[in-house]
Amino acid sequence: QVQLVESGGGLVQPGGSLRLSCAASGSIFRIYNMGWYRQAPGKQRELVASIASGGSTHYADSVKGRFTISRDNAKNTMYLQMNSLIPEDTALYYCNARIQSMISYDTMDYWGKGTRVTVSS
């Protein structure tokens, strides 16, 4: 019933910027931690950034200082502002969220289908 939908990916030149969005919908009681993951061709999926319900954040060393994660709890939406992009940022970016169901009060992780980011000249 719950779903996450990413948007905002695309093709950008090195040094450029993109803003990714993740919108959660469905029978949601509460959203706890949220995060952005990415997976490049031939590599494992890795955590890029995460944000707790209270606003505390974590960043991978490779993106610290360039990316900013945020969330709008009233809109059930999370964002990733990506600046100073480099070719190594090229990947499929996934939204992840731990969500408690309004129906059963059970809590589990949900994943979006991903949005593609390509950094190339």
PDB file of N, CA and C in Angstrom:
ATOM      1  N   GLN A   1       0.823  -1.205   0.000  1.00  0.00           N
ATOM      2  CA  GLN A   1       0.000   0.000   0.000  1.00  0.00           C
ATOM      3  C   GLN A   1       0.863   1.263   0.000  1.00  0.00           C
ATOM      4  N   VAL A   2       1.927   1.243   0.781  1.00  0.00           N
ATOM      5  CA  VAL A   2       2.862   2.366   0.816  1.00  0.00           C
ATOM      6  C   VAL A   2       3.780   2.304  -0.401  1.00  0.00           C
ATOM      7  N   GLN A   3       4.062   3.450  -0.986  1.00  0.00           N
ATOM      8  CA  GLN A   3       5.010   3.499  -2.078  1.00  0.00           C
ATOM      9  C   GLN A   3       5.863   4.756  -2.011  1.00  0.00           C
ATOM     10  N   LEU A   4       7.081   4.646  -2.552  1.00  0.00           N
ATOM     11  CA  LEU A   4       8.004   5.758  -2.652  1.00  0.00           C
ATOM     12  C   LEU A   4       8.303   6.001  -4.124  1.00  0.00           C
ATOM     13  N   VAL A   5       8.269   7.247  -4.540  1.00  0.00           N
ATOM     14  CA  VAL A   5       8.518   7.594  -5.931  1.00  0.00           C
ATOM     15  C   VAL A   5       9.581   8.674  -6.004  1.00  0.00           C
ATOM     16  N   GLU A   6      10.694   8.369  -6.691  1.00  0.00           N
ATOM     17  CA  GLU A   6      11.774   9.328  -6.873  1.00  0.00           C
ATOM     18  C   GLU A   6      11.573  10.128  -8.155  1.00  0.00           C
ATOM     19  N   SER A   7      12.144  11.319  -8.180  1.00  0.00           N
ATOM     20  CA  SER A   7      12.130  12.146  -9.375  1.00  0.00           C
ATOM     21  C   SER A   7      13.318  13.101  -9.327  1.00  0.00           C
ATOM     22  N   GLY A   8      13.633  13.715 -10.460  1.00  0.00           N
ATOM     23  CA  GLY A   8      14.661  14.736 -10.513  1.00  0.00           C
ATOM     24  C   GLY A   8      15.978  14.314 -11.135  1.00  0.00           C
ATOM     25  N   GLY A   9      16.120  13.048 -11.483  1.00  0.00           N
ATOM     26  CA  GLY A   9      17.347  12.596 -12.105  1.00  0.00           C
ATOM     27  C   GLY A   9      17.471  13.094 -13.533  1.00  0.00           C
ATOM     28  N   GLY A  10      18.652  12.895 -14.109  1.00  0.00           N
ATOM     29  CA  GLY A  10      18.880  13.323 -15.478  1.00  0.00           C
ATOM     30  C   GLY A  10      20.346  13.370 -15.823  1.00  0.00           C
ATOM     31  N   LEU A  11      20.641  13.966 -16.966  1.00  0.00           N
ATOM     32  CA  LEU A  11      22.008  14.123 -17.451  1.00  0.00           C
ATOM     33  C   LEU A  11      22.502  15.520 -17.117  1.00  0.00           C
ATOM     34  N   VAL A  12      23.692  15.598 -16.533  1.00  0.00           N
ATOM     35  CA  VAL A  12      24.269  16.885 -16.157  1.00  0.00           C
ATOM     36  C   VAL A  12      25.777  16.848 -16.379  1.00  0.00           C
ATOM     37  N   GLN A  13      26.358  17.996 -16.698  1.00  0.00           N
ATOM     38  CA  GLN A  13      27.800  18.088 -16.896  1.00  0.00           C
ATOM     39  C   GLN A  13      28.532  18.147 -15.561  1.00  0.00           C
ATOM     40  N   PRO A  14      29.797  17.723 -15.533  1.00  0.00           N
ATOM     41  CA  PRO A  14      30.583  17.849 -14.304  1.00  0.00           C
ATOM     42  C   PRO A  14      30.562  19.281 -13.785  1.00  0.00           C
ATOM     43  N   GLY A  15      30.398  19.413 -12.474  1.00  0.00           N
ATOM     44  CA  GLY A  15      30.296  20.722 -11.856  1.00  0.00           C
ATOM     45  C   GLY A  15      28.879  21.229 -11.737  1.00  0.00           C
ATOM     46  N   GLY A  16      27.947  20.547 -12.366  1.00  0.00           N
ATOM     47  CA  GLY A  16      26.560  20.957 -12.333  1.00  0.00           C
ATOM     48  C   GLY A  16      25.834  20.487 -11.088  1.00  0.00           C
ATOM     49  N   SER A  17      24.532  20.760 -11.049  1.00  0.00           N
ATOM     50  CA  SER A  17      23.710  20.435  -9.891  1.00  0.00           C
ATOM     51  C   SER A  17      22.408  19.761 -10.295  1.00  0.00           C
ATOM     52  N   LEU A  18      21.877  18.955  -9.387  1.00  0.00           N
ATOM     53  CA  LEU A  18      20.569  18.338  -9.522  1.00  0.00           C
ATOM     54  C   LEU A  18      19.927  18.269  -8.150  1.00  0.00           C
ATOM     55  N   ARG A  19      18.602  18.274  -8.117  1.00  0.00           N
ATOM     56  CA  ARG A  19      17.881  18.046  -6.878  1.00  0.00           C
ATOM     57  C   ARG A  19      16.927  16.879  -7.055  1.00  0.00           C
ATOM     58  N   LEU A  20      17.132  15.838  -6.272  1.00  0.00           N
ATOM     59  CA  LEU A  20      16.275  14.669  -6.294  1.00  0.00           C
ATOM     60  C   LEU A  20      15.178  14.805  -5.248  1.00  0.00           C
ATOM     61  N   SER A  21      14.007  14.258  -5.570  1.00  0.00           N
ATOM     62  CA  SER A  21      12.884  14.254  -4.643  1.00  0.00           C
ATOM     63  C   SER A  21      12.378  12.834  -4.457  1.00  0.00           C
ATOM     64  N   CYS A  22      11.853  12.552  -3.281  1.00  0.00           N
ATOM     65  CA  CYS A  22      11.240  11.262  -2.973  1.00  0.00           C
ATOM     66  C   CYS A  22       9.948  11.522  -2.229  1.00  0.00           C
ATOM     67  N   ALA A  23       8.838  11.136  -2.831  1.00  0.00           N
ATOM     68  CA  ALA A  23       7.526  11.338  -2.231  1.00  0.00           C
ATOM     69  C   ALA A  23       6.949  10.016  -1.752  1.00  0.00           C
ATOM     70  N   ALA A  24       6.543   9.972  -0.494  1.00  0.00           N
ATOM     71  CA  ALA A  24       5.922   8.787   0.083  1.00  0.00           C
ATOM     72  C   ALA A  24       4.410   8.964   0.119  1.00  0.00           C
ATOM     73  N   SER A  25       3.688   7.890  -0.168  1.00  0.00           N
ATOM     74  CA  SER A  25       2.236   7.947  -0.146  1.00  0.00           C
ATOM     75  C   SER A  25       1.675   6.611   0.321  1.00  0.00           C
ATOM     76  N   GLY A  26       0.402   6.609   0.732  1.00  0.00           N
ATOM     77  CA  GLY A  26      -0.248   5.398   1.177  1.00  0.00           C
ATOM     78  C   GLY A  26      -0.706   5.495   2.623  1.00  0.00           C
ATOM     79  N   SER A  27      -0.916   4.336   3.244  1.00  0.00           N
ATOM     80  CA  SER A  27      -1.428   4.262   4.613  1.00  0.00           C
ATOM     81  C   SER A  27      -0.289   4.426   5.615  1.00  0.00           C
ATOM     82  N   ILE A  28       0.168   5.653   5.765  1.00  0.00           N
ATOM     83  CA  ILE A  28       1.332   5.966   6.586  1.00  0.00           C
ATOM     84  C   ILE A  28       0.919   6.514   7.942  1.00  0.00           C
ATOM     85  N   PHE A  29       1.419   5.880   9.003  1.00  0.00           N
ATOM     86  CA  PHE A  29       1.236   6.399  10.350  1.00  0.00           C
ATOM     87  C   PHE A  29       2.379   7.344  10.713  1.00  0.00           C
ATOM     88  N   ARG A  30       3.603   6.892  10.449  1.00  0.00           N
ATOM     89  CA  ARG A  30       4.769   7.713  10.738  1.00  0.00           C
ATOM     90  C   ARG A  30       5.957   7.253   9.909  1.00  0.00           C
ATOM     91  N   ILE A  31       6.760   8.207   9.453  1.00  0.00           N
ATOM     92  CA  ILE A  31       8.000   7.908   8.760  1.00  0.00           C
ATOM     93  C   ILE A  31       9.161   8.189   9.686  1.00  0.00           C
ATOM     94  N   TYR A  32       9.995   7.186   9.896  1.00  0.00           N
ATOM     95  CA  TYR A  32      11.167   7.343  10.752  1.00  0.00           C
ATOM     96  C   TYR A  32      12.360   7.764   9.894  1.00  0.00           C
ATOM     97  N   ASN A  33      13.456   7.022   9.920  1.00  0.00           N
ATOM     98  CA  ASN A  33      14.617   7.397   9.126  1.00  0.00           C
ATOM     99  C   ASN A  33      14.348   7.284   7.633  1.00  0.00           C
ATOM    100  N   MET A  34      14.953   8.180   6.857  1.00  0.00           N
ATOM    101  CA  MET A  34      14.896   8.132   5.407  1.00  0.00           C
ATOM    102  C   MET A  34      16.325   8.255   4.884  1.00  0.00           C
ATOM    103  N   GLY A  35      16.552   7.758   3.680  1.00  0.00           N
ATOM    104  CA  GLY A  35      17.888   7.850   3.129  1.00  0.00           C
ATOM    105  C   GLY A  35      17.922   7.711   1.625  1.00  0.00           C
ATOM    106  N   TRP A  36      19.028   8.174   1.051  1.00  0.00           N
ATOM    107  CA  TRP A  36      19.304   8.008  -0.366  1.00  0.00           C
ATOM    108  C   TRP A  36      20.451   7.020  -0.535  1.00  0.00           C
ATOM    109  N   TYR A  37      20.245   6.042  -1.400  1.00  0.00           N
ATOM    110  CA  TYR A  37      21.264   5.080  -1.776  1.00  0.00           C
ATOM    111  C   TYR A  37      21.535   5.217  -3.266  1.00  0.00           C
ATOM    112  N   ARG A  38      22.687   4.744  -3.703  1.00  0.00           N
ATOM    113  CA  ARG A  38      22.972   4.732  -5.129  1.00  0.00           C
ATOM    114  C   ARG A  38      23.706   3.457  -5.504  1.00  0.00           C
ATOM    115  N   GLN A  39      23.536   3.072  -6.757  1.00  0.00           N
ATOM    116  CA  GLN A  39      24.211   1.901  -7.282  1.00  0.00           C
ATOM    117  C   GLN A  39      24.719   2.198  -8.685  1.00  0.00           C
ATOM    118  N   ALA A  40      26.032   2.162  -8.840  1.00  0.00           N
ATOM    119  CA  ALA A  40      26.665   2.357 -10.132  1.00  0.00           C
ATOM    120  C   ALA A  40      26.815   1.008 -10.825  1.00  0.00           C
ATOM    121  N   PRO A  41      26.944   1.000 -12.152  1.00  0.00           N
ATOM    122  CA  PRO A  41      27.104  -0.269 -12.883  1.00  0.00           C
ATOM    123  C   PRO A  41      28.272  -1.096 -12.355  1.00  0.00           C
ATOM    124  N   GLY A  42      28.012  -2.363 -12.049  1.00  0.00           N
ATOM    125  CA  GLY A  42      29.052  -3.257 -11.577  1.00  0.00           C
ATOM    126  C   GLY A  42      29.467  -3.070 -10.134  1.00  0.00           C
ATOM    127  N   LYS A  43      28.772  -2.215  -9.391  1.00  0.00           N
ATOM    128  CA  LYS A  43      29.121  -1.959  -8.003  1.00  0.00           C
ATOM    129  C   LYS A  43      27.950  -2.253  -7.078  1.00  0.00           C
ATOM    130  N   GLN A  44      28.254  -2.375  -5.787  1.00  0.00           N
ATOM    131  CA  GLN A  44      27.224  -2.607  -4.789  1.00  0.00           C
ATOM    132  C   GLN A  44      26.482  -1.311  -4.467  1.00  0.00           C
ATOM    133  N   ARG A  45      25.260  -1.474  -3.996  1.00  0.00           N
ATOM    134  CA  ARG A  45      24.492  -0.327  -3.553  1.00  0.00           C
ATOM    135  C   ARG A  45      25.115   0.241  -2.280  1.00  0.00           C
ATOM    136  N   GLU A  46      25.204   1.569  -2.204  1.00  0.00           N
ATOM    137  CA  GLU A  46      25.811   2.210  -1.052  1.00  0.00           C
ATOM    138  C   GLU A  46      24.942   3.341  -0.531  1.00  0.00           C
ATOM    139  N   LEU A  47      25.048   3.591   0.752  1.00  0.00           N
ATOM    140  CA  LEU A  47      24.331   4.694   1.378  1.00  0.00           C
ATOM    141  C   LEU A  47      25.015   6.005   1.033  1.00  0.00           C
ATOM    142  N   VAL A  48      24.246   6.950   0.527  1.00  0.00           N
ATOM    143  CA  VAL A  48      24.755   8.271   0.180  1.00  0.00           C
ATOM    144  C   VAL A  48      24.539   9.251   1.330  1.00  0.00           C
ATOM    145  N   ALA A  49      23.321   9.296   1.832  1.00  0.00           N
ATOM    146  CA  ALA A  49      22.973  10.201   2.921  1.00  0.00           C
ATOM    147  C   ALA A  49      21.710   9.709   3.595  1.00  0.00           C
ATOM    148  N   SER A  50      21.567  10.021   4.871  1.00  0.00           N
ATOM    149  CA  SER A  50      20.368   9.654   5.606  1.00  0.00           C
ATOM    150  C   SER A  50      19.950  10.796   6.512  1.00  0.00           C
ATOM    151  N   ILE A  51      18.673  10.778   6.889  1.00  0.00           N
ATOM    152  CA  ILE A  51      18.145  11.810   7.763  1.00  0.00           C
ATOM    153  C   ILE A  51      17.092  11.194   8.674  1.00  0.00           C
ATOM    154  N   ALA A  52      17.199  11.461   9.964  1.00  0.00           N
ATOM    155  CA  ALA A  52      16.255  10.952  10.946  1.00  0.00           C
ATOM    156  C   ALA A  52      15.021  11.842  11.001  1.00  0.00           C
ATOM    157  N   SER A  53      13.988  11.349  11.660  1.00  0.00           N
ATOM    158  CA  SER A  53      12.751  12.115  11.747  1.00  0.00           C
ATOM    159  C   SER A  53      12.950  13.445  12.458  1.00  0.00           C
ATOM    160  N   GLY A  54      13.913  13.492  13.391  1.00  0.00           N
ATOM    161  CA  GLY A  54      14.216  14.716  14.106  1.00  0.00           C
ATOM    162  C   GLY A  54      15.132  15.669  13.370  1.00  0.00           C
ATOM    163  N   GLY A  55      15.699  15.226  12.233  1.00  0.00           N
ATOM    164  CA  GLY A  55      16.498  16.107  11.410  1.00  0.00           C
ATOM    165  C   GLY A  55      17.994  15.850  11.400  1.00  0.00           C
ATOM    166  N   SER A  56      18.500  14.954  12.235  1.00  0.00           N
ATOM    167  CA  SER A  56      19.930  14.660  12.219  1.00  0.00           C
ATOM    168  C   SER A  56      20.303  13.966  10.917  1.00  0.00           C
ATOM    169  N   THR A  57      21.500  14.258  10.402  1.00  0.00           N
ATOM    170  CA  THR A  57      21.902  13.766   9.087  1.00  0.00           C
ATOM    171  C   THR A  57      23.226  13.024   9.121  1.00  0.00           C
ATOM    172  N   HIS A  58      23.438  12.205   8.095  1.00  0.00           N
ATOM    173  CA  HIS A  58      24.683  11.476   7.896  1.00  0.00           C
ATOM    174  C   HIS A  58      25.000  11.491   6.406  1.00  0.00           C
ATOM    175  N   TYR A  59      26.291  11.642   6.079  1.00  0.00           N
ATOM    176  CA  TYR A  59      26.727  11.645   4.686  1.00  0.00           C
ATOM    177  C   TYR A  59      27.901  10.710   4.484  1.00  0.00           C
ATOM    178  N   ALA A  60      27.921  10.069   3.336  1.00  0.00           N
ATOM    179  CA  ALA A  60      29.104   9.325   2.939  1.00  0.00           C
ATOM    180  C   ALA A  60      30.248  10.305   2.713  1.00  0.00           C
ATOM    181  N   ASP A  61      31.477   9.876   3.010  1.00  0.00           N
ATOM    182  CA  ASP A  61      32.627  10.761   2.845  1.00  0.00           C
ATOM    183  C   ASP A  61      32.758  11.284   1.414  1.00  0.00           C
ATOM    184  N   SER A  62      32.370  10.480   0.455  1.00  0.00           N
ATOM    185  CA  SER A  62      32.529  10.845  -0.942  1.00  0.00           C
ATOM    186  C   SER A  62      31.635  12.000  -1.385  1.00  0.00           C
ATOM    187  N   VAL A  63      30.581  12.291  -0.617  1.00  0.00           N
ATOM    188  CA  VAL A  63      29.654  13.352  -1.009  1.00  0.00           C
ATOM    189  C   VAL A  63      29.583  14.481   0.008  1.00  0.00           C
ATOM    190  N   LYS A  64      30.225  14.319   1.137  1.00  0.00           N
ATOM    191  CA  LYS A  64      30.165  15.324   2.190  1.00  0.00           C
ATOM    192  C   LYS A  64      30.711  16.661   1.688  1.00  0.00           C
ATOM    193  N   GLY A  65      29.950  17.718   1.936  1.00  0.00           N
ATOM    194  CA  GLY A  65      30.327  19.038   1.471  1.00  0.00           C
ATOM    195  C   GLY A  65      29.756  19.388   0.119  1.00  0.00           C
ATOM    196  N   ARG A  66      29.259  18.394  -0.609  1.00  0.00           N
ATOM    197  CA  ARG A  66      28.683  18.628  -1.935  1.00  0.00           C
ATOM    198  C   ARG A  66      27.178  18.373  -1.972  1.00  0.00           C
ATOM    199  N   PHE A  67      26.713  17.393  -1.195  1.00  0.00           N
ATOM    200  CA  PHE A  67      25.300  17.023  -1.176  1.00  0.00           C
ATOM    201  C   PHE A  67      24.655  17.470   0.128  1.00  0.00           C
ATOM    202  N   THR A  68      23.361  17.771   0.066  1.00  0.00           N
ATOM    203  CA  THR A  68      22.595  18.126   1.251  1.00  0.00           C
ATOM    204  C   THR A  68      21.270  17.377   1.243  1.00  0.00           C
ATOM    205  N   ILE A  69      21.003  16.634   2.313  1.00  0.00           N
ATOM    206  CA  ILE A  69      19.748  15.911   2.437  1.00  0.00           C
ATOM    207  C   ILE A  69      18.796  16.702   3.326  1.00  0.00           C
ATOM    208  N   SER A  70      17.515  16.672   2.999  1.00  0.00           N
ATOM    209  CA  SER A  70      16.509  17.368   3.791  1.00  0.00           C
ATOM    210  C   SER A  70      15.180  16.637   3.661  1.00  0.00           C
ATOM    211  N   ARG A  71      14.227  17.015   4.499  1.00  0.00           N
ATOM    212  CA  ARG A  71      12.902  16.410   4.425  1.00  0.00           C
ATOM    213  C   ARG A  71      11.846  17.411   4.846  1.00  0.00           C
ATOM    214  N   ASP A  72      10.671  17.251   4.276  1.00  0.00           N
ATOM    215  CA  ASP A  72       9.505  18.046   4.627  1.00  0.00           C
ATOM    216  C   ASP A  72       8.476  17.067   5.162  1.00  0.00           C
ATOM    217  N   ASN A  73       8.376  16.976   6.478  1.00  0.00           N
ATOM    218  CA  ASN A  73       7.506  15.980   7.088  1.00  0.00           C
ATOM    219  C   ASN A  73       6.028  16.214   6.777  1.00  0.00           C
ATOM    220  N   ALA A  74       5.641  17.464   6.599  1.00  0.00           N
ATOM    221  CA  ALA A  74       4.255  17.777   6.278  1.00  0.00           C
ATOM    222  C   ALA A  74       3.861  17.256   4.904  1.00  0.00           C
ATOM    223  N   LYS A  75       4.848  17.119   4.013  1.00  0.00           N
ATOM    224  CA  LYS A  75       4.595  16.644   2.656  1.00  0.00           C
ATOM    225  C   LYS A  75       5.025  15.200   2.440  1.00  0.00           C
ATOM    226  N   ASN A  76       5.561  14.557   3.479  1.00  0.00           N
ATOM    227  CA  ASN A  76       6.084  13.193   3.362  1.00  0.00           C
ATOM    228  C   ASN A  76       7.083  13.090   2.212  1.00  0.00           C
ATOM    229  N   THR A  77       7.939  14.080   2.112  1.00  0.00           N
ATOM    230  CA  THR A  77       8.867  14.175   0.998  1.00  0.00           C
ATOM    231  C   THR A  77      10.293  14.412   1.491  1.00  0.00           C
ATOM    232  N   MET A  78      11.246  13.775   0.827  1.00  0.00           N
ATOM    233  CA  MET A  78      12.663  13.926   1.121  1.00  0.00           C
ATOM    234  C   MET A  78      13.368  14.425  -0.129  1.00  0.00           C
ATOM    235  N   TYR A  79      14.451  15.188   0.066  1.00  0.00           N
ATOM    236  CA  TYR A  79      15.188  15.767  -1.041  1.00  0.00           C
ATOM    237  C   TYR A  79      16.681  15.480  -0.912  1.00  0.00           C
ATOM    238  N   LEU A  80      17.359  15.514  -2.034  1.00  0.00           N
ATOM    239  CA  LEU A  80      18.812  15.452  -2.058  1.00  0.00           C
ATOM    240  C   LEU A  80      19.310  16.496  -3.035  1.00  0.00           C
ATOM    241  N   GLN A  81      19.900  17.562  -2.512  1.00  0.00           N
ATOM    242  CA  GLN A  81      20.499  18.597  -3.340  1.00  0.00           C
ATOM    243  C   GLN A  81      21.930  18.187  -3.637  1.00  0.00           C
ATOM    244  N   MET A  82      22.258  18.029  -4.910  1.00  0.00           N
ATOM    245  CA  MET A  82      23.570  17.567  -5.327  1.00  0.00           C
ATOM    246  C   MET A  82      24.270  18.674  -6.105  1.00  0.00           C
ATOM    247  N   ASN A  83      25.369  19.161  -5.564  1.00  0.00           N
ATOM    248  CA  ASN A  83      26.162  20.209  -6.196  1.00  0.00           C
ATOM    249  C   ASN A  83      27.553  19.697  -6.536  1.00  0.00           C
ATOM    250  N   SER A  84      28.249  20.423  -7.394  1.00  0.00           N
ATOM    251  CA  SER A  84      29.613  20.073  -7.787  1.00  0.00           C
ATOM    252  C   SER A  84      29.717  18.611  -8.202  1.00  0.00           C
ATOM    253  N   LEU A  85      28.812  18.189  -9.044  1.00  0.00           N
ATOM    254  CA  LEU A  85      28.746  16.789  -9.446  1.00  0.00           C
ATOM    255  C   LEU A  85      29.975  16.367 -10.252  1.00  0.00           C
ATOM    256  N   ILE A  86      30.402  15.136 -10.028  1.00  0.00           N
ATOM    257  CA  ILE A  86      31.539  14.545 -10.719  1.00  0.00           C
ATOM    258  C   ILE A  86      31.098  13.246 -11.381  1.00  0.00           C
ATOM    259  N   PRO A  87      31.843  12.759 -12.370  1.00  0.00           N
ATOM    260  CA  PRO A  87      31.431  11.534 -13.069  1.00  0.00           C
ATOM    261  C   PRO A  87      31.213  10.341 -12.140  1.00  0.00           C
ATOM    262  N   GLU A  88      31.949  10.276 -11.042  1.00  0.00           N
ATOM    263  CA  GLU A  88      31.801   9.176 -10.088  1.00  0.00           C
ATOM    264  C   GLU A  88      30.446   9.166  -9.391  1.00  0.00           C
ATOM    265  N   ASP A  89      29.690  10.248  -9.504  1.00  0.00           N
ATOM    266  CA  ASP A  89      28.346  10.297  -8.939  1.00  0.00           C
ATOM    267  C   ASP A  89      27.320   9.600  -9.824  1.00  0.00           C
ATOM    268  N   THR A  90      27.710   9.219 -11.021  1.00  0.00           N
ATOM    269  CA  THR A  90      26.797   8.551 -11.945  1.00  0.00           C
ATOM    270  C   THR A  90      26.306   7.235 -11.351  1.00  0.00           C
ATOM    271  N   ALA A  91      24.993   7.085 -11.245  1.00  0.00           N
ATOM    272  CA  ALA A  91      24.406   5.897 -10.633  1.00  0.00           C
ATOM    273  C   ALA A  91      22.890   5.980 -10.695  1.00  0.00           C
ATOM    274  N   LEU A  92      22.255   4.877 -10.324  1.00  0.00           N
ATOM    275  CA  LEU A  92      20.823   4.860 -10.090  1.00  0.00           C
ATOM    276  C   LEU A  92      20.617   5.182  -8.615  1.00  0.00           C
ATOM    277  N   TYR A  93      19.868   6.228  -8.335  1.00  0.00           N
ATOM    278  CA  TYR A  93      19.667   6.683  -6.967  1.00  0.00           C
ATOM    279  C   TYR A  93      18.315   6.209  -6.449  1.00  0.00           C
ATOM    280  N   TYR A  94      18.329   5.560  -5.281  1.00  0.00           N
ATOM    281  CA  TYR A  94      17.127   4.986  -4.683  1.00  0.00           C
ATOM    282  C   TYR A  94      16.743   5.700  -3.397  1.00  0.00           C
ATOM    283  N   CYS A  95      15.465   5.866  -3.199  1.00  0.00           N
ATOM    284  CA  CYS A  95      14.921   6.383  -1.957  1.00  0.00           C
ATOM    285  C   CYS A  95      14.585   5.218  -1.034  1.00  0.00           C
ATOM    286  N   ASN A  96      14.911   5.358   0.241  1.00  0.00           N
ATOM    287  CA  ASN A  96      14.592   4.358   1.254  1.00  0.00           C
ATOM    288  C   ASN A  96      13.957   5.041   2.458  1.00  0.00           C
ATOM    289  N   ALA A  97      12.956   4.390   3.052  1.00  0.00           N
ATOM    290  CA  ALA A  97      12.324   4.952   4.238  1.00  0.00           C
ATOM    291  C   ALA A  97      11.797   3.853   5.142  1.00  0.00           C
ATOM    292  N   ARG A  98      11.951   4.057   6.448  1.00  0.00           N
ATOM    293  CA  ARG A  98      11.349   3.163   7.428  1.00  0.00           C
ATOM    294  C   ARG A  98      10.008   3.768   7.822  1.00  0.00           C
ATOM    295  N   ILE A  99       8.928   3.012   7.558  1.00  0.00           N
ATOM    296  CA  ILE A  99       7.580   3.540   7.691  1.00  0.00           C
ATOM    297  C   ILE A  99       6.710   2.623   8.541  1.00  0.00           C
ATOM    298  N   GLN A 100       5.958   3.221   9.451  1.00  0.00           N
ATOM    299  CA  GLN A 100       4.998   2.495  10.265  1.00  0.00           C
ATOM    300  C   GLN A 100       3.628   2.601   9.616  1.00  0.00           C
ATOM    301  N   SER A 101       2.976   1.463   9.456  1.00  0.00           N
ATOM    302  CA  SER A 101       1.685   1.399   8.790  1.00  0.00           C
ATOM    303  C   SER A 101       0.566   1.958   9.659  1.00  0.00           C
ATOM    304  N   MET A 102      -0.336   2.706   9.036  1.00  0.00           N
ATOM    305  CA  MET A 102      -1.509   3.215   9.732  1.00  0.00           C
ATOM    306  C   MET A 102      -2.509   2.089  10.024  1.00  0.00           C
ATOM    307  N   ILE A 103      -2.473   1.037   9.215  1.00  0.00           N
ATOM    308  CA  ILE A 103      -3.418  -0.058   9.340  1.00  0.00           C
ATOM    309  C   ILE A 103      -3.021  -1.050  10.434  1.00  0.00           C
ATOM    310  N   SER A 104      -1.775  -1.523  10.385  1.00  0.00           N
ATOM    311  CA  SER A 104      -1.320  -2.564  11.302  1.00  0.00           C
ATOM    312  C   SER A 104      -0.362  -2.073  12.377  1.00  0.00           C
ATOM    313  N   TYR A 105       0.173  -0.872  12.216  1.00  0.00           N
ATOM    314  CA  TYR A 105       1.205  -0.287  13.080  1.00  0.00           C
ATOM    315  C   TYR A 105       2.531  -1.028  12.988  1.00  0.00           C
ATOM    316  N   ASP A 106       2.640  -1.946  12.042  1.00  0.00           N
ATOM    317  CA  ASP A 106       3.897  -2.633  11.771  1.00  0.00           C
ATOM    318  C   ASP A 106       4.839  -1.686  11.039  1.00  0.00           C
ATOM    319  N   THR A 107       6.144  -1.825  11.313  1.00  0.00           N
ATOM    320  CA  THR A 107       7.148  -0.964  10.715  1.00  0.00           C
ATOM    321  C   THR A 107       8.085  -1.766   9.825  1.00  0.00           C
ATOM    322  N   MET A 108       8.369  -1.249   8.632  1.00  0.00           N
ATOM    323  CA  MET A 108       9.278  -1.916   7.715  1.00  0.00           C
ATOM    324  C   MET A 108       9.908  -0.912   6.760  1.00  0.00           C
ATOM    325  N   ASP A 109      10.954  -1.356   6.070  1.00  0.00           N
ATOM    326  CA  ASP A 109      11.629  -0.518   5.081  1.00  0.00           C
ATOM    327  C   ASP A 109      10.948  -0.609   3.725  1.00  0.00           C
ATOM    328  N   TYR A 110      10.879   0.537   3.037  1.00  0.00           N
ATOM    329  CA  TYR A 110      10.343   0.608   1.692  1.00  0.00           C
ATOM    330  C   TYR A 110      11.379   1.215   0.768  1.00  0.00           C
ATOM    331  N   TRP A 111      11.322   0.832  -0.501  1.00  0.00           N
ATOM    332  CA  TRP A 111      12.250   1.312  -1.518  1.00  0.00           C
ATOM    333  C   TRP A 111      11.511   1.835  -2.729  1.00  0.00           C
ATOM    334  N   GLY A 112      12.042   2.899  -3.317  1.00  0.00           N
ATOM    335  CA  GLY A 112      11.550   3.366  -4.596  1.00  0.00           C
ATOM    336  C   GLY A 112      12.199   2.584  -5.723  1.00  0.00           C
ATOM    337  N   LYS A 113      11.758   2.829  -6.939  1.00  0.00           N
ATOM    338  CA  LYS A 113      12.301   2.127  -8.100  1.00  0.00           C
ATOM    339  C   LYS A 113      13.578   2.762  -8.630  1.00  0.00           C
ATOM    340  N   GLY A 114      13.891   3.968  -8.193  1.00  0.00           N
ATOM    341  CA  GLY A 114      15.138   4.621  -8.552  1.00  0.00           C
ATOM    342  C   GLY A 114      14.980   5.692  -9.614  1.00  0.00           C
ATOM    343  N   THR A 115      15.899   6.654  -9.584  1.00  0.00           N
ATOM    344  CA  THR A 115      15.987   7.671 -10.621  1.00  0.00           C
ATOM    345  C   THR A 115      17.448   7.766 -11.055  1.00  0.00           C
ATOM    346  N   ARG A 116      17.676   7.844 -12.349  1.00  0.00           N
ATOM    347  CA  ARG A 116      19.030   7.754 -12.879  1.00  0.00           C
ATOM    348  C   ARG A 116      19.694   9.127 -12.953  1.00  0.00           C
ATOM    349  N   VAL A 117      20.943   9.169 -12.491  1.00  0.00           N
ATOM    350  CA  VAL A 117      21.773  10.369 -12.562  1.00  0.00           C
ATOM    351  C   VAL A 117      23.011  10.043 -13.386  1.00  0.00           C
ATOM    352  N   THR A 118      23.239  10.832 -14.424  1.00  0.00           N
ATOM    353  CA  THR A 118      24.411  10.656 -15.268  1.00  0.00           C
ATOM    354  C   THR A 118      25.191  11.959 -15.315  1.00  0.00           C
ATOM    355  N   VAL A 119      26.460  11.908 -14.917  1.00  0.00           N
ATOM    356  CA  VAL A 119      27.328  13.079 -14.921  1.00  0.00           C
ATOM    357  C   VAL A 119      28.395  12.857 -15.986  1.00  0.00           C
ATOM    358  N   SER A 120      28.299  13.606 -17.068  1.00  0.00           N
ATOM    359  CA  SER A 120      29.198  13.398 -18.197  1.00  0.00           C
ATOM    360  C   SER A 120      29.275  14.651 -19.052  1.00  0.00           C
ATOM    361  N   SER A 121      30.447  14.876 -19.654  1.00  0.00           N
ATOM    362  CA  SER A 121      30.629  15.979 -20.575  1.00  0.00           C
ATOM    363  C   SER A 121      30.474  15.523 -22.020  1.00  0.00           C
TER     364      SER A 121
END
